């Protein structure tokens, strides 16, 4: 897919996704100018958005990393790693130092 095609798909999707379902087909016919590939790609994105509900996060952990609750993660095992300490935090989350543990690793 060419960058110009992707830009057009994004533009059309961003408008179409907010339309009532009954209006999307007519909108896509108008915007795609008969380009079936473009309309199909936009429909795939709309279907994925509806299935995954991108506007609603899977988990809202913002309250955890903005408080001292994050310290309770120190000592937790994740796979073969144990969280040792917090390195830093920012707008998107927390970074921990971890150490790999296990008999198969030295």
PDB file of N, CA and C in Angstrom:
ATOM      1  N   UNK A   1       0.849  -1.174   0.000  1.00  0.00           N
ATOM      2  CA  UNK A   1       0.000   0.000   0.000  1.00  0.00           C
ATOM      3  C   UNK A   1       0.896   1.239   0.000  1.00  0.00           C
ATOM      4  N   UNK A   2       0.563   2.146  -0.863  1.00  0.00           N
ATOM      5  CA  UNK A   2       1.318   3.391  -0.960  1.00  0.00           C
ATOM      6  C   UNK A   2       0.952   4.342   0.181  1.00  0.00           C
ATOM      7  N   UNK A   3       1.895   5.178   0.599  1.00  0.00           N
ATOM      8  CA  UNK A   3       1.601   6.121   1.682  1.00  0.00           C
ATOM      9  C   UNK A   3       0.393   7.011   1.393  1.00  0.00           C
ATOM     10  N   UNK A   4       0.219   7.405   0.131  1.00  0.00           N
ATOM     11  CA  UNK A   4      -0.923   8.251  -0.226  1.00  0.00           C
ATOM     12  C   UNK A   4      -2.241   7.506  -0.009  1.00  0.00           C
ATOM     13  N   UNK A   5      -2.234   6.201  -0.329  1.00  0.00           N
ATOM     14  CA  UNK A   5      -3.446   5.396  -0.122  1.00  0.00           C
ATOM     15  C   UNK A   5      -3.775   5.298   1.368  1.00  0.00           C
ATOM     16  N   UNK A   6      -2.757   5.065   2.178  1.00  0.00           N
ATOM     17  CA  UNK A   6      -2.969   4.940   3.619  1.00  0.00           C
ATOM     18  C   UNK A   6      -3.488   6.255   4.201  1.00  0.00           C
ATOM     19  N   UNK A   7      -2.963   7.377   3.746  1.00  0.00           N
ATOM     20  CA  UNK A   7      -3.431   8.674   4.228  1.00  0.00           C
ATOM     21  C   UNK A   7      -4.911   8.874   3.908  1.00  0.00           C
ATOM     22  N   UNK A   8      -5.315   8.489   2.706  1.00  0.00           N
ATOM     23  CA  UNK A   8      -6.720   8.619   2.313  1.00  0.00           C
ATOM     24  C   UNK A   8      -7.598   7.689   3.154  1.00  0.00           C
ATOM     25  N   UNK A   9      -7.139   6.463   3.382  1.00  0.00           N
ATOM     26  CA  UNK A   9      -7.893   5.507   4.203  1.00  0.00           C
ATOM     27  C   UNK A   9      -8.074   6.064   5.606  1.00  0.00           C
ATOM     28  N   UNK A  10      -7.016   6.593   6.200  1.00  0.00           N
ATOM     29  CA  UNK A  10      -7.112   7.167   7.552  1.00  0.00           C
ATOM     30  C   UNK A  10      -8.091   8.329   7.596  1.00  0.00           C
ATOM     31  N   UNK A  11      -8.015   9.188   6.601  1.00  0.00           N
ATOM     32  CA  UNK A  11      -8.892  10.351   6.550  1.00  0.00           C
ATOM     33  C   UNK A  11     -10.360   9.923   6.476  1.00  0.00           C
ATOM     34  N   UNK A  12     -10.654   8.995   5.579  1.00  0.00           N
ATOM     35  CA  UNK A  12     -12.035   8.521   5.406  1.00  0.00           C
ATOM     36  C   UNK A  12     -12.495   7.772   6.649  1.00  0.00           C
ATOM     37  N   UNK A  13     -11.641   6.923   7.211  1.00  0.00           N
ATOM     38  CA  UNK A  13     -12.002   6.179   8.421  1.00  0.00           C
ATOM     39  C   UNK A  13     -12.359   7.125   9.560  1.00  0.00           C
ATOM     40  N   UNK A  14     -11.528   8.135   9.772  1.00  0.00           N
ATOM     41  CA  UNK A  14     -11.756   9.056  10.892  1.00  0.00           C
ATOM     42  C   UNK A  14     -13.096   9.769  10.800  1.00  0.00           C
ATOM     43  N   UNK A  15     -13.590   9.968   9.587  1.00  0.00           N
ATOM     44  CA  UNK A  15     -14.909  10.565   9.422  1.00  0.00           C
ATOM     45  C   UNK A  15     -16.007   9.509   9.509  1.00  0.00           C
ATOM     46  N   UNK A  16     -15.777   8.360   8.897  1.00  0.00           N
ATOM     47  CA  UNK A  16     -16.809   7.325   8.805  1.00  0.00           C
ATOM     48  C   UNK A  16     -17.107   6.673  10.149  1.00  0.00           C
ATOM     49  N   UNK A  17     -16.112   6.524  10.985  1.00  0.00           N
ATOM     50  CA  UNK A  17     -16.280   5.784  12.232  1.00  0.00           C
ATOM     51  C   UNK A  17     -17.292   6.440  13.168  1.00  0.00           C
ATOM     52  N   UNK A  18     -17.494   7.729  13.039  1.00  0.00           N
ATOM     53  CA  UNK A  18     -18.435   8.436  13.902  1.00  0.00           C
ATOM     54  C   UNK A  18     -19.851   8.522  13.328  1.00  0.00           C
ATOM     55  N   UNK A  19     -20.034   8.024  12.113  1.00  0.00           N
ATOM     56  CA  UNK A  19     -21.353   8.080  11.478  1.00  0.00           C
ATOM     57  C   UNK A  19     -22.256   6.958  11.985  1.00  0.00           C
ATOM     58  N   UNK A  20     -23.559   7.161  11.924  1.00  0.00           N
ATOM     59  CA  UNK A  20     -24.479   6.047  12.208  1.00  0.00           C
ATOM     60  C   UNK A  20     -24.251   4.942  11.180  1.00  0.00           C
ATOM     61  N   UNK A  21     -24.399   3.698  11.599  1.00  0.00           N
ATOM     62  CA  UNK A  21     -24.134   2.549  10.728  1.00  0.00           C
ATOM     63  C   UNK A  21     -24.884   2.634   9.401  1.00  0.00           C
ATOM     64  N   UNK A  22     -26.101   3.143   9.421  1.00  0.00           N
ATOM     65  CA  UNK A  22     -26.924   3.210   8.212  1.00  0.00           C
ATOM     66  C   UNK A  22     -26.365   4.187   7.180  1.00  0.00           C
ATOM     67  N   UNK A  23     -25.529   5.127   7.603  1.00  0.00           N
ATOM     68  CA  UNK A  23     -25.002   6.151   6.692  1.00  0.00           C
ATOM     69  C   UNK A  23     -23.615   5.832   6.139  1.00  0.00           C
ATOM     70  N   UNK A  24     -22.970   4.806   6.654  1.00  0.00           N
ATOM     71  CA  UNK A  24     -21.573   4.543   6.286  1.00  0.00           C
ATOM     72  C   UNK A  24     -21.426   4.132   4.835  1.00  0.00           C
ATOM     73  N   UNK A  25     -22.278   3.242   4.341  1.00  0.00           N
ATOM     74  CA  UNK A  25     -22.143   2.790   2.944  1.00  0.00           C
ATOM     75  C   UNK A  25     -22.204   3.954   1.969  1.00  0.00           C
ATOM     76  N   UNK A  26     -23.188   4.816   2.122  1.00  0.00           N
ATOM     77  CA  UNK A  26     -23.327   5.957   1.221  1.00  0.00           C
ATOM     78  C   UNK A  26     -22.116   6.883   1.330  1.00  0.00           C
ATOM     79  N   UNK A  27     -21.648   7.106   2.542  1.00  0.00           N
ATOM     80  CA  UNK A  27     -20.480   7.949   2.753  1.00  0.00           C
ATOM     81  C   UNK A  27     -19.257   7.358   2.061  1.00  0.00           C
ATOM     82  N   UNK A  28     -19.056   6.040   2.199  1.00  0.00           N
ATOM     83  CA  UNK A  28     -17.894   5.399   1.577  1.00  0.00           C
ATOM     84  C   UNK A  28     -17.976   5.432   0.059  1.00  0.00           C
ATOM     85  N   UNK A  29     -19.171   5.240  -0.503  1.00  0.00           N
ATOM     86  CA  UNK A  29     -19.320   5.334  -1.959  1.00  0.00           C
ATOM     87  C   UNK A  29     -18.919   6.730  -2.444  1.00  0.00           C
ATOM     88  N   UNK A  30     -19.345   7.732  -1.709  1.00  0.00           N
ATOM     89  CA  UNK A  30     -19.038   9.122  -2.077  1.00  0.00           C
ATOM     90  C   UNK A  30     -17.544   9.408  -1.945  1.00  0.00           C
ATOM     91  N   UNK A  31     -16.956   9.000  -0.841  1.00  0.00           N
ATOM     92  CA  UNK A  31     -15.554   9.318  -0.555  1.00  0.00           C
ATOM     93  C   UNK A  31     -14.558   8.476  -1.346  1.00  0.00           C
ATOM     94  N   UNK A  32     -14.939   7.248  -1.674  1.00  0.00           N
ATOM     95  CA  UNK A  32     -13.987   6.362  -2.346  1.00  0.00           C
ATOM     96  C   UNK A  32     -13.960   6.558  -3.852  1.00  0.00           C
ATOM     97  N   UNK A  33     -14.973   7.200  -4.392  1.00  0.00           N
ATOM     98  CA  UNK A  33     -14.997   7.401  -5.843  1.00  0.00           C
ATOM     99  C   UNK A  33     -14.954   6.091  -6.604  1.00  0.00           C
ATOM    100  N   UNK A  34     -15.581   5.059  -6.068  1.00  0.00           N
ATOM    101  CA  UNK A  34     -15.603   3.755  -6.721  1.00  0.00           C
ATOM    102  C   UNK A  34     -14.394   2.876  -6.422  1.00  0.00           C
ATOM    103  N   UNK A  35     -13.498   3.349  -5.576  1.00  0.00           N
ATOM    104  CA  UNK A  35     -12.313   2.573  -5.214  1.00  0.00           C
ATOM    105  C   UNK A  35     -12.724   1.524  -4.173  1.00  0.00           C
ATOM    106  N   UNK A  36     -12.959   0.303  -4.656  1.00  0.00           N
ATOM    107  CA  UNK A  36     -13.440  -0.782  -3.799  1.00  0.00           C
ATOM    108  C   UNK A  36     -12.409  -1.145  -2.739  1.00  0.00           C
ATOM    109  N   UNK A  37     -11.126  -1.073  -3.092  1.00  0.00           N
ATOM    110  CA  UNK A  37     -10.058  -1.397  -2.138  1.00  0.00           C
ATOM    111  C   UNK A  37     -10.089  -0.424  -0.956  1.00  0.00           C
ATOM    112  N   UNK A  38     -10.229   0.856  -1.239  1.00  0.00           N
ATOM    113  CA  UNK A  38     -10.268   1.864  -0.184  1.00  0.00           C
ATOM    114  C   UNK A  38     -11.473   1.630   0.720  1.00  0.00           C
ATOM    115  N   UNK A  39     -12.633   1.447   0.135  1.00  0.00           N
ATOM    116  CA  UNK A  39     -13.850   1.222   0.926  1.00  0.00           C
ATOM    117  C   UNK A  39     -13.714  -0.038   1.779  1.00  0.00           C
ATOM    118  N   UNK A  40     -13.130  -1.093   1.213  1.00  0.00           N
ATOM    119  CA  UNK A  40     -12.943  -2.338   1.956  1.00  0.00           C
ATOM    120  C   UNK A  40     -12.012  -2.168   3.140  1.00  0.00           C
ATOM    121  N   UNK A  41     -10.924  -1.423   2.942  1.00  0.00           N
ATOM    122  CA  UNK A  41      -9.981  -1.181   4.036  1.00  0.00           C
ATOM    123  C   UNK A  41     -10.634  -0.361   5.147  1.00  0.00           C
ATOM    124  N   UNK A  42     -11.422   0.638   4.769  1.00  0.00           N
ATOM    125  CA  UNK A  42     -12.098   1.444   5.778  1.00  0.00           C
ATOM    126  C   UNK A  42     -13.084   0.584   6.554  1.00  0.00           C
ATOM    127  N   UNK A  43     -13.831  -0.280   5.854  1.00  0.00           N
ATOM    128  CA  UNK A  43     -14.764  -1.174   6.556  1.00  0.00           C
ATOM    129  C   UNK A  43     -14.028  -2.097   7.521  1.00  0.00           C
ATOM    130  N   UNK A  44     -12.871  -2.605   7.125  1.00  0.00           N
ATOM    131  CA  UNK A  44     -12.093  -3.476   8.022  1.00  0.00           C
ATOM    132  C   UNK A  44     -11.694  -2.726   9.284  1.00  0.00           C
ATOM    133  N   UNK A  45     -11.286  -1.464   9.133  1.00  0.00           N
ATOM    134  CA  UNK A  45     -10.914  -0.672  10.297  1.00  0.00           C
ATOM    135  C   UNK A  45     -12.129  -0.388  11.188  1.00  0.00           C
ATOM    136  N   UNK A  46     -13.263  -0.099  10.569  1.00  0.00           N
ATOM    137  CA  UNK A  46     -14.478   0.158  11.343  1.00  0.00           C
ATOM    138  C   UNK A  46     -14.881  -1.089  12.112  1.00  0.00           C
ATOM    139  N   UNK A  47     -14.843  -2.252  11.442  1.00  0.00           N
ATOM    140  CA  UNK A  47     -15.180  -3.509  12.123  1.00  0.00           C
ATOM    141  C   UNK A  47     -14.234  -3.780  13.290  1.00  0.00           C
ATOM    142  N   UNK A  48     -12.943  -3.539  13.087  1.00  0.00           N
ATOM    143  CA  UNK A  48     -11.960  -3.757  14.159  1.00  0.00           C
ATOM    144  C   UNK A  48     -12.210  -2.805  15.318  1.00  0.00           C
ATOM    145  N   UNK A  49     -12.548  -1.566  15.020  1.00  0.00           N
ATOM    146  CA  UNK A  49     -12.824  -0.587  16.068  1.00  0.00           C
ATOM    147  C   UNK A  49     -14.034  -1.010  16.887  1.00  0.00           C
ATOM    148  N   UNK A  50     -15.050  -1.488  16.212  1.00  0.00           N
ATOM    149  CA  UNK A  50     -16.259  -1.921  16.926  1.00  0.00           C
ATOM    150  C   UNK A  50     -16.003  -3.169  17.762  1.00  0.00           C
ATOM    151  N   UNK A  51     -15.242  -4.094  17.202  1.00  0.00           N
ATOM    152  CA  UNK A  51     -14.951  -5.339  17.916  1.00  0.00           C
ATOM    153  C   UNK A  51     -14.070  -5.093  19.136  1.00  0.00           C
ATOM    154  N   UNK A  52     -13.093  -4.221  18.987  1.00  0.00           N
ATOM    155  CA  UNK A  52     -12.123  -3.987  20.058  1.00  0.00           C
ATOM    156  C   UNK A  52     -12.460  -2.809  20.946  1.00  0.00           C
ATOM    157  N   UNK A  53     -13.389  -1.987  20.527  1.00  0.00           N
ATOM    158  CA  UNK A  53     -13.803  -0.820  21.302  1.00  0.00           C
ATOM    159  C   UNK A  53     -12.582  -0.025  21.759  1.00  0.00           C
ATOM    160  N   UNK A  54     -11.824   0.499  20.785  1.00  0.00           N
ATOM    161  CA  UNK A  54     -10.565   1.183  21.052  1.00  0.00           C
ATOM    162  C   UNK A  54     -10.694   2.354  22.015  1.00  0.00           C
ATOM    163  N   UNK A  55     -11.887   2.937  22.116  1.00  0.00           N
ATOM    164  CA  UNK A  55     -12.038   4.090  22.992  1.00  0.00           C
ATOM    165  C   UNK A  55     -12.056   3.701  24.460  1.00  0.00           C
ATOM    166  N   UNK A  56     -12.334   2.449  24.754  1.00  0.00           N
ATOM    167  CA  UNK A  56     -12.409   1.997  26.139  1.00  0.00           C
ATOM    168  C   UNK A  56     -11.173   1.157  26.450  1.00  0.00           C
ATOM    169  N   UNK A  57     -10.306   1.598  27.341  1.00  0.00           N
ATOM    170  CA  UNK A  57      -9.093   0.829  27.643  1.00  0.00           C
ATOM    171  C   UNK A  57      -9.417  -0.507  28.304  1.00  0.00           C
ATOM    172  N   UNK A  58      -8.551  -1.476  28.068  1.00  0.00           N
ATOM    173  CA  UNK A  58      -8.723  -2.793  28.670  1.00  0.00           C
ATOM    174  C   UNK A  58      -8.621  -2.696  30.184  1.00  0.00           C
ATOM    175  N   UNK A  59      -7.689  -1.906  30.668  1.00  0.00           N
ATOM    176  CA  UNK A  59      -7.526  -1.704  32.108  1.00  0.00           C
ATOM    177  C   UNK A  59      -7.065  -0.275  32.343  1.00  0.00           C
ATOM    178  N   UNK A  60      -7.581   0.331  33.356  1.00  0.00           N
ATOM    179  CA  UNK A  60      -7.163   1.689  33.695  1.00  0.00           C
ATOM    180  C   UNK A  60      -6.284   1.619  34.936  1.00  0.00           C
ATOM    181  N   UNK A  61      -4.984   1.676  34.697  1.00  0.00           N
ATOM    182  CA  UNK A  61      -4.020   1.590  35.790  1.00  0.00           C
ATOM    183  C   UNK A  61      -3.479   2.951  36.178  1.00  0.00           C
ATOM    184  N   UNK A  62      -4.039   4.010  35.616  1.00  0.00           N
ATOM    185  CA  UNK A  62      -3.493   5.338  35.874  1.00  0.00           C
ATOM    186  C   UNK A  62      -3.508   5.694  37.350  1.00  0.00           C
ATOM    187  N   UNK A  63      -4.521   5.240  38.072  1.00  0.00           N
ATOM    188  CA  UNK A  63      -4.590   5.551  39.496  1.00  0.00           C
ATOM    189  C   UNK A  63      -3.486   4.829  40.273  1.00  0.00           C
ATOM    190  N   UNK A  64      -3.077   3.654  39.775  1.00  0.00           N
ATOM    191  CA  UNK A  64      -2.018   2.899  40.452  1.00  0.00           C
ATOM    192  C   UNK A  64      -0.680   3.599  40.295  1.00  0.00           C
ATOM    193  N   UNK A  65      -0.309   3.936  39.058  1.00  0.00           N
ATOM    194  CA  UNK A  65       1.035   4.489  38.877  1.00  0.00           C
ATOM    195  C   UNK A  65       1.140   5.934  39.340  1.00  0.00           C
ATOM    196  N   UNK A  66       0.032   6.583  39.605  1.00  0.00           N
ATOM    197  CA  UNK A  66       0.095   7.942  40.121  1.00  0.00           C
ATOM    198  C   UNK A  66       0.131   7.972  41.655  1.00  0.00           C
ATOM    199  N   UNK A  67       0.057   6.804  42.260  1.00  0.00           N
ATOM    200  CA  UNK A  67       0.075   6.759  43.717  1.00  0.00           C
ATOM    201  C   UNK A  67       1.239   5.887  44.180  1.00  0.00           C
ATOM    202  N   UNK A  68       1.308   5.671  45.471  1.00  0.00           N
ATOM    203  CA  UNK A  68       2.371   4.831  46.023  1.00  0.00           C
ATOM    204  C   UNK A  68       2.047   3.350  45.909  1.00  0.00           C
ATOM    205  N   UNK A  69       0.871   3.005  45.401  1.00  0.00           N
ATOM    206  CA  UNK A  69       0.504   1.595  45.246  1.00  0.00           C
ATOM    207  C   UNK A  69       1.499   0.842  44.371  1.00  0.00           C
ATOM    208  N   UNK A  70       2.151   1.544  43.452  1.00  0.00           N
ATOM    209  CA  UNK A  70       3.091   0.891  42.547  1.00  0.00           C
ATOM    210  C   UNK A  70       4.225   0.228  43.306  1.00  0.00           C
ATOM    211  N   UNK A  71       4.571   0.745  44.468  1.00  0.00           N
ATOM    212  CA  UNK A  71       5.646   0.152  45.261  1.00  0.00           C
ATOM    213  C   UNK A  71       5.322  -1.283  45.642  1.00  0.00           C
ATOM    214  N   UNK A  72       4.033  -1.628  45.687  1.00  0.00           N
ATOM    215  CA  UNK A  72       3.653  -2.987  46.041  1.00  0.00           C
ATOM    216  C   UNK A  72       4.046  -3.996  44.960  1.00  0.00           C
ATOM    217  N   UNK A  73       4.401  -3.512  43.758  1.00  0.00           N
ATOM    218  CA  UNK A  73       4.828  -4.416  42.693  1.00  0.00           C
ATOM    219  C   UNK A  73       6.258  -4.903  42.895  1.00  0.00           C
ATOM    220  N   UNK A  74       7.058  -4.172  43.668  1.00  0.00           N
ATOM    221  CA  UNK A  74       8.438  -4.577  43.923  1.00  0.00           C
ATOM    222  C   UNK A  74       8.410  -5.939  44.610  1.00  0.00           C
ATOM    223  N   UNK A  75       9.212  -6.861  44.080  1.00  0.00           N
ATOM    224  CA  UNK A  75       9.238  -8.223  44.604  1.00  0.00           C
ATOM    225  C   UNK A  75       8.375  -9.182  43.807  1.00  0.00           C
ATOM    226  N   UNK A  76       7.508  -8.653  42.963  1.00  0.00           N
ATOM    227  CA  UNK A  76       6.624  -9.481  42.145  1.00  0.00           C
ATOM    228  C   UNK A  76       7.421 -10.188  41.059  1.00  0.00           C
ATOM    229  N   UNK A  77       7.058 -11.430  40.778  1.00  0.00           N
ATOM    230  CA  UNK A  77       7.671 -12.172  39.686  1.00  0.00           C
ATOM    231  C   UNK A  77       6.814 -12.049  38.447  1.00  0.00           C
ATOM    232  N   UNK A  78       7.475 -11.786  37.328  1.00  0.00           N
ATOM    233  CA  UNK A  78       6.818 -11.758  36.033  1.00  0.00           C
ATOM    234  C   UNK A  78       7.632 -12.675  35.138  1.00  0.00           C
ATOM    235  N   UNK A  79       7.086 -13.844  34.862  1.00  0.00           N
ATOM    236  CA  UNK A  79       7.856 -14.843  34.122  1.00  0.00           C
ATOM    237  C   UNK A  79       9.070 -15.232  34.925  1.00  0.00           C
ATOM    238  N   UNK A  80      10.246 -15.125  34.309  1.00  0.00           N
ATOM    239  CA  UNK A  80      11.505 -15.453  34.979  1.00  0.00           C
ATOM    240  C   UNK A  80      12.154 -14.241  35.640  1.00  0.00           C
ATOM    241  N   UNK A  81      11.417 -13.140  35.746  1.00  0.00           N
ATOM    242  CA  UNK A  81      11.977 -11.905  36.279  1.00  0.00           C
ATOM    243  C   UNK A  81      11.296 -11.499  37.579  1.00  0.00           C
ATOM    244  N   UNK A  82      12.098 -10.932  38.496  1.00  0.00           N
ATOM    245  CA  UNK A  82      11.577 -10.390  39.746  1.00  0.00           C
ATOM    246  C   UNK A  82      11.831  -8.883  39.734  1.00  0.00           C
ATOM    247  N   UNK A  83      10.759  -8.112  39.978  1.00  0.00           N
ATOM    248  CA  UNK A  83      10.888  -6.659  40.025  1.00  0.00           C
ATOM    249  C   UNK A  83      11.654  -6.274  41.283  1.00  0.00           C
ATOM    250  N   UNK A  84      12.723  -5.488  41.103  1.00  0.00           N
ATOM    251  CA  UNK A  84      13.587  -5.144  42.231  1.00  0.00           C
ATOM    252  C   UNK A  84      13.343  -3.747  42.766  1.00  0.00           C
ATOM    253  N   UNK A  85      13.165  -2.785  41.858  1.00  0.00           N
ATOM    254  CA  UNK A  85      12.947  -1.415  42.320  1.00  0.00           C
ATOM    255  C   UNK A  85      12.354  -0.588  41.187  1.00  0.00           C
ATOM    256  N   UNK A  86      11.774   0.528  41.574  1.00  0.00           N
ATOM    257  CA  UNK A  86      11.245   1.455  40.578  1.00  0.00           C
ATOM    258  C   UNK A  86      12.387   2.325  40.086  1.00  0.00           C
ATOM    259  N   UNK A  87      12.497   2.464  38.772  1.00  0.00           N
ATOM    260  CA  UNK A  87      13.525   3.325  38.182  1.00  0.00           C
ATOM    261  C   UNK A  87      12.962   4.724  37.957  1.00  0.00           C
ATOM    262  N   UNK A  88      11.736   4.797  37.482  1.00  0.00           N
ATOM    263  CA  UNK A  88      11.137   6.098  37.224  1.00  0.00           C
ATOM    264  C   UNK A  88       9.690   5.956  36.804  1.00  0.00           C
ATOM    265  N   UNK A  89       9.003   7.090  36.705  1.00  0.00           N
ATOM    266  CA  UNK A  89       7.608   7.091  36.264  1.00  0.00           C
ATOM    267  C   UNK A  89       7.358   8.362  35.490  1.00  0.00           C
ATOM    268  N   UNK A  90       6.345   8.297  34.649  1.00  0.00           N
ATOM    269  CA  UNK A  90       6.014   9.448  33.823  1.00  0.00           C
ATOM    270  C   UNK A  90       4.587   9.362  33.329  1.00  0.00           C
ATOM    271  N   UNK A  91       4.311  10.055  32.246  1.00  0.00           N
ATOM    272  CA  UNK A  91       2.965  10.168  31.726  1.00  0.00           C
ATOM    273  C   UNK A  91       2.337   8.870  31.274  1.00  0.00           C
ATOM    274  N   UNK A  92       3.132   7.873  30.927  1.00  0.00           N
ATOM    275  CA  UNK A  92       2.580   6.636  30.402  1.00  0.00           C
ATOM    276  C   UNK A  92       2.721   5.448  31.344  1.00  0.00           C
ATOM    277  N   UNK A  93       3.437   5.582  32.435  1.00  0.00           N
ATOM    278  CA  UNK A  93       3.551   4.449  33.335  1.00  0.00           C
ATOM    279  C   UNK A  93       4.798   4.482  34.187  1.00  0.00           C
ATOM    280  N   UNK A  94       5.186   3.291  34.635  1.00  0.00           N
ATOM    281  CA  UNK A  94       6.312   3.137  35.556  1.00  0.00           C
ATOM    282  C   UNK A  94       7.329   2.181  34.939  1.00  0.00           C
ATOM    283  N   UNK A  95       8.602   2.458  35.161  1.00  0.00           N
ATOM    284  CA  UNK A  95       9.678   1.575  34.715  1.00  0.00           C
ATOM    285  C   UNK A  95      10.328   0.974  35.950  1.00  0.00           C
ATOM    286  N   UNK A  96      10.453  -0.363  35.943  1.00  0.00           N
ATOM    287  CA  UNK A  96      11.068  -1.071  37.058  1.00  0.00           C
ATOM    288  C   UNK A  96      12.370  -1.714  36.621  1.00  0.00           C
ATOM    289  N   UNK A  97      13.282  -1.826  37.571  1.00  0.00           N
ATOM    290  CA  UNK A  97      14.464  -2.666  37.381  1.00  0.00           C
ATOM    291  C   UNK A  97      14.023  -4.076  37.728  1.00  0.00           C
ATOM    292  N   UNK A  98      14.423  -5.035  36.906  1.00  0.00           N
ATOM    293  CA  UNK A  98      14.084  -6.437  37.162  1.00  0.00           C
ATOM    294  C   UNK A  98      15.340  -7.282  37.006  1.00  0.00           C
ATOM    295  N   UNK A  99      15.344  -8.401  37.679  1.00  0.00           N
ATOM    296  CA  UNK A  99      16.468  -9.329  37.591  1.00  0.00           C
ATOM    297  C   UNK A  99      15.939 -10.691  37.199  1.00  0.00           C
ATOM    298  N   UNK A 100      16.617 -11.299  36.224  1.00  0.00           N
ATOM    299  CA  UNK A 100      16.199 -12.616  35.815  1.00  0.00           C
ATOM    300  C   UNK A 100      16.643 -13.628  36.850  1.00  0.00           C
ATOM    301  N   UNK A 101      15.726 -14.512  37.190  1.00  0.00           N
ATOM    302  CA  UNK A 101      16.016 -15.559  38.176  1.00  0.00           C
ATOM    303  C   UNK A 101      15.636 -16.894  37.603  1.00  0.00           C
ATOM    304  N   UNK A 102      16.207 -17.920  38.131  1.00  0.00           N
ATOM    305  CA  UNK A 102      15.861 -19.269  37.711  1.00  0.00           C
ATOM    306  C   UNK A 102      17.087 -20.141  37.609  1.00  0.00           C
ATOM    307  N   UNK A 103      16.872 -21.434  37.687  1.00  0.00           N
ATOM    308  CA  UNK A 103      17.983 -22.398  37.661  1.00  0.00           C
ATOM    309  C   UNK A 103      18.667 -22.436  36.296  1.00  0.00           C
ATOM    310  N   UNK A 104      17.935 -22.053  35.251  1.00  0.00           N
ATOM    311  CA  UNK A 104      18.512 -22.136  33.895  1.00  0.00           C
ATOM    312  C   UNK A 104      19.280 -20.877  33.507  1.00  0.00           C
ATOM    313  N   UNK A 105      19.454 -19.947  34.450  1.00  0.00           N
ATOM    314  CA  UNK A 105      20.124 -18.683  34.122  1.00  0.00           C
ATOM    315  C   UNK A 105      21.020 -18.259  35.262  1.00  0.00           C
ATOM    316  N   UNK A 106      22.235 -17.833  34.910  1.00  0.00           N
ATOM    317  CA  UNK A 106      23.173 -17.389  35.933  1.00  0.00           C
ATOM    318  C   UNK A 106      23.769 -16.063  35.532  1.00  0.00           C
TER     319      UNK A 106
END
